[in-house]
Amino acid sequence: MSKRSRKIDPRQCKLAFSWTKRVETHLADKVEILEAASETIPDPRPMESYEEACIELSVAIKKAIRHWGQGRLELVKAVNAYFGWNPDGDGKSLSIHMLNHYLSKPAEYPIPGALLFAIHHITGSLEPCRSLAEAEGGEVISQEDKRTLMLGKMESAVWELNRLKRELRNGSAK
């Protein structure tokens, strides 16, 4: 086989790519997203006291319940079902009385962390997790937001397509 480099057929360079407009739109959207995201990330806000941390978490759970649209009694039943607890008082279970204490007197009765798993799942709200993340300057995103951010991974593919397109136009494929 000859070591001479192959040249691209000039007729191939004249092909119109159907995705050109899509790529340009994507790049324009990317610039807009990057400009919007260039705001500074907030500094971590440490809790001043244990009581403040308990109250912050309690408020977040109350927001999650409000977002869910049902009451505390329904939440108690759902948490017991989530963990497979028997609400009749045999063994471990969550009562409405304890949930009220967790949410009304959070410094005296701090909510067990394991209950957050059930509360997140049942209410479909990320508020409790969001309060934890924001205390450290972080953010929590939903599944829908995550899918949108995954589009950013297309960037390297788009860049590669543009590079290949330029090479085809210039006739200098590697």
Protein backbone atom coordinates (compact mmCIF):
# COMPACT_ATOMS: atom_id res chain seq x y z
CA MET A 1 0.00 0.00 0.00
CA SER A 2 1.28 3.42 -0.88
CA LYS A 3 2.31 5.86 1.83
CA ARG A 4 0.93 8.79 -0.08
CA SER A 5 -1.84 10.56 1.83
CA ARG A 6 -5.27 10.30 0.35
CA LYS A 7 -7.06 13.43 -0.70
CA ILE A 8 -10.73 13.99 -0.06
CA ASP A 9 -12.92 14.01 -3.11
CA PRO A 10 -13.86 17.70 -3.72
CA ARG A 11 -17.46 16.69 -4.36
CA GLN A 12 -17.73 15.55 -0.73
CA CYS A 13 -16.85 19.03 0.55
CA LYS A 14 -19.92 20.49 -1.12
CA LEU A 15 -22.34 18.30 0.83
CA ALA A 16 -24.71 20.26 3.01
CA PHE A 17 -25.00 18.98 6.56
CA SER A 18 -28.56 18.81 7.80
CA TRP A 19 -27.54 19.34 11.41
CA THR A 20 -25.67 22.62 10.87
CA LYS A 21 -28.56 24.76 12.13
CA ARG A 22 -29.09 22.44 15.12
CA VAL A 23 -25.43 22.69 16.06
CA GLU A 24 -25.45 26.48 15.79
CA THR A 25 -28.62 26.67 17.90
CA HIS A 26 -27.08 24.39 20.48
CA LEU A 27 -23.94 26.49 20.67
CA ALA A 28 -25.98 29.69 21.07
CA ASP A 29 -28.00 28.03 23.86
CA LYS A 30 -24.78 26.92 25.50
CA VAL A 31 -23.40 30.47 25.53
CA GLU A 32 -26.65 31.72 27.06
CA ILE A 33 -26.57 29.02 29.76
CA LEU A 34 -22.93 29.71 30.59
CA GLU A 35 -23.60 33.43 30.92
CA ALA A 36 -26.54 32.74 33.25
CA ALA A 37 -24.48 30.29 35.30
CA SER A 38 -21.58 32.70 35.71
CA GLU A 39 -23.19 34.12 38.84
CA THR A 40 -21.14 33.46 41.94
CA ILE A 41 -21.87 30.42 44.02
CA PRO A 42 -22.96 31.40 47.52
CA ASP A 43 -20.51 30.86 50.33
CA PRO A 44 -21.27 28.09 52.80
CA ARG A 45 -23.48 29.32 55.62
CA PRO A 46 -22.57 27.38 58.73
CA MET A 47 -25.27 26.96 61.33
CA GLU A 48 -24.77 29.16 64.35
CA SER A 49 -26.06 26.54 66.75
CA TYR A 50 -27.42 23.04 67.03
CA GLU A 51 -30.89 24.46 67.61
CA GLU A 52 -30.73 26.51 64.40
CA ALA A 53 -29.76 23.41 62.42
CA CYS A 54 -32.69 21.46 63.90
CA ILE A 55 -35.11 24.28 63.11
CA GLU A 56 -33.78 24.62 59.56
CA LEU A 57 -34.36 20.92 58.88
CA SER A 58 -37.82 21.04 60.46
CA VAL A 59 -38.82 23.98 58.26
CA ALA A 60 -37.58 22.14 55.17
CA ILE A 61 -39.64 19.06 56.06
CA LYS A 62 -42.72 21.23 56.58
CA LYS A 63 -42.15 22.72 53.10
CA ALA A 64 -41.90 19.21 51.65
CA ILE A 65 -45.18 18.21 53.30
CA ARG A 66 -46.86 21.37 51.99
CA HIS A 67 -45.49 20.67 48.50
CA TRP A 68 -46.84 17.12 48.73
CA GLY A 69 -50.34 18.44 49.40
CA GLN A 70 -51.35 15.95 52.09
CA GLY A 71 -51.29 16.10 55.85
CA ARG A 72 -49.01 14.85 58.60
CA LEU A 73 -51.22 11.86 59.39
CA GLU A 74 -50.93 10.64 55.79
CA LEU A 75 -47.18 11.15 56.02
CA VAL A 76 -47.00 9.03 59.19
CA LYS A 77 -48.93 6.21 57.50
CA ALA A 78 -46.73 6.43 54.40
CA VAL A 79 -43.48 6.44 56.43
CA ASN A 80 -44.60 3.37 58.37
CA ALA A 81 -45.48 1.64 55.10
CA TYR A 82 -42.16 2.73 53.54
CA PHE A 83 -40.15 1.07 56.31
CA GLY A 84 -42.58 -1.84 56.75
CA TRP A 85 -43.35 -0.82 60.33
CA ASN A 86 -46.50 -1.96 62.08
CA PRO A 87 -48.32 1.19 63.24
CA ASP A 88 -50.24 -0.75 65.96
CA GLY A 89 -47.52 -0.09 68.48
CA ASP A 90 -45.89 -3.51 68.14
CA GLY A 91 -42.21 -2.77 67.75
CA LYS A 92 -40.84 0.23 65.89
CA SER A 93 -43.16 2.72 64.19
CA LEU A 94 -43.68 6.44 63.73
CA SER A 95 -46.65 8.04 65.45
CA ILE A 96 -48.36 11.31 64.67
CA HIS A 97 -47.43 12.39 68.18
CA MET A 98 -43.69 11.91 67.49
CA LEU A 99 -43.87 13.55 64.06
CA ASN A 100 -45.52 16.59 65.65
CA HIS A 101 -42.74 16.74 68.23
CA TYR A 102 -40.07 16.44 65.51
CA LEU A 103 -41.61 19.32 63.57
CA SER A 104 -42.80 21.54 66.44
CA LYS A 105 -39.95 21.14 68.93
CA PRO A 106 -37.02 20.26 66.70
CA ALA A 107 -34.32 21.23 69.18
CA GLU A 108 -35.79 19.01 71.90
CA TYR A 109 -36.74 16.18 69.53
CA PRO A 110 -34.35 16.19 66.55
CA ILE A 111 -35.65 14.18 63.62
CA PRO A 112 -33.74 10.97 62.94
CA GLY A 113 -31.79 11.23 59.70
CA ALA A 114 -33.11 7.93 58.36
CA LEU A 115 -36.61 9.39 58.20
CA LEU A 116 -35.37 11.80 55.54
CA PHE A 117 -35.12 8.92 53.06
CA ALA A 118 -38.80 8.16 53.49
CA ILE A 119 -39.84 11.83 53.50
CA HIS A 120 -37.96 12.54 50.26
CA HIS A 121 -39.46 9.49 48.58
CA ILE A 122 -43.01 10.01 49.81
CA THR A 123 -43.33 13.76 49.31
CA GLY A 124 -41.36 13.86 46.06
CA SER A 125 -39.73 17.04 47.35
CA LEU A 126 -36.02 17.64 47.74
CA GLU A 127 -36.46 20.46 50.27
CA PRO A 128 -34.83 18.69 53.25
CA CYS A 129 -31.85 17.70 51.12
CA ARG A 130 -31.73 21.20 49.64
CA SER A 131 -31.43 22.77 53.11
CA LEU A 132 -28.49 20.48 53.90
CA ALA A 133 -26.74 21.26 50.61
CA GLU A 134 -27.31 25.02 50.81
CA ALA A 135 -25.67 25.10 54.23
CA GLU A 136 -22.46 24.11 52.44
CA GLY A 137 -22.96 26.35 49.40
CA GLY A 138 -24.25 23.51 47.25
CA GLU A 139 -27.38 23.02 45.23
CA VAL A 140 -29.73 20.12 44.63
CA ILE A 141 -31.15 19.48 41.19
CA SER A 142 -34.13 17.45 40.12
CA GLN A 143 -34.07 14.57 37.65
CA GLU A 144 -35.39 16.91 34.94
CA ASP A 145 -32.61 19.42 35.59
CA LYS A 146 -30.07 16.61 35.51
CA ARG A 147 -31.27 15.54 32.07
CA THR A 148 -30.92 19.10 30.87
CA LEU A 149 -27.39 19.30 32.23
CA MET A 150 -26.50 16.04 30.51
CA LEU A 151 -26.94 17.90 27.25
CA GLY A 152 -23.72 19.61 28.17
CA LYS A 153 -21.94 16.32 27.65
CA MET A 154 -22.91 16.61 24.03
CA GLU A 155 -20.56 19.56 23.80
CA SER A 156 -17.49 17.47 23.09
CA ALA A 157 -19.37 15.57 20.39
CA VAL A 158 -20.56 18.83 18.85
CA TRP A 159 -17.04 20.22 18.95
CA GLU A 160 -15.75 17.10 17.20
CA LEU A 161 -18.46 17.37 14.54
CA ASN A 162 -17.53 20.99 13.90
CA ARG A 163 -13.85 20.05 13.63
CA LEU A 164 -14.64 17.32 11.11
CA LYS A 165 -16.92 19.67 9.19
CA ARG A 166 -14.12 22.25 8.93
CA GLU A 167 -11.73 19.57 7.73
CA LEU A 168 -14.17 18.43 5.07
CA ARG A 169 -14.68 22.02 3.92
CA ASN A 170 -10.96 22.72 3.78
CA GLY A 171 -10.10 19.35 2.27
CA SER A 172 -7.47 18.62 4.89
CA ALA A 173 -8.64 15.46 6.61
CA LYS A 174 -6.08 13.81 8.85
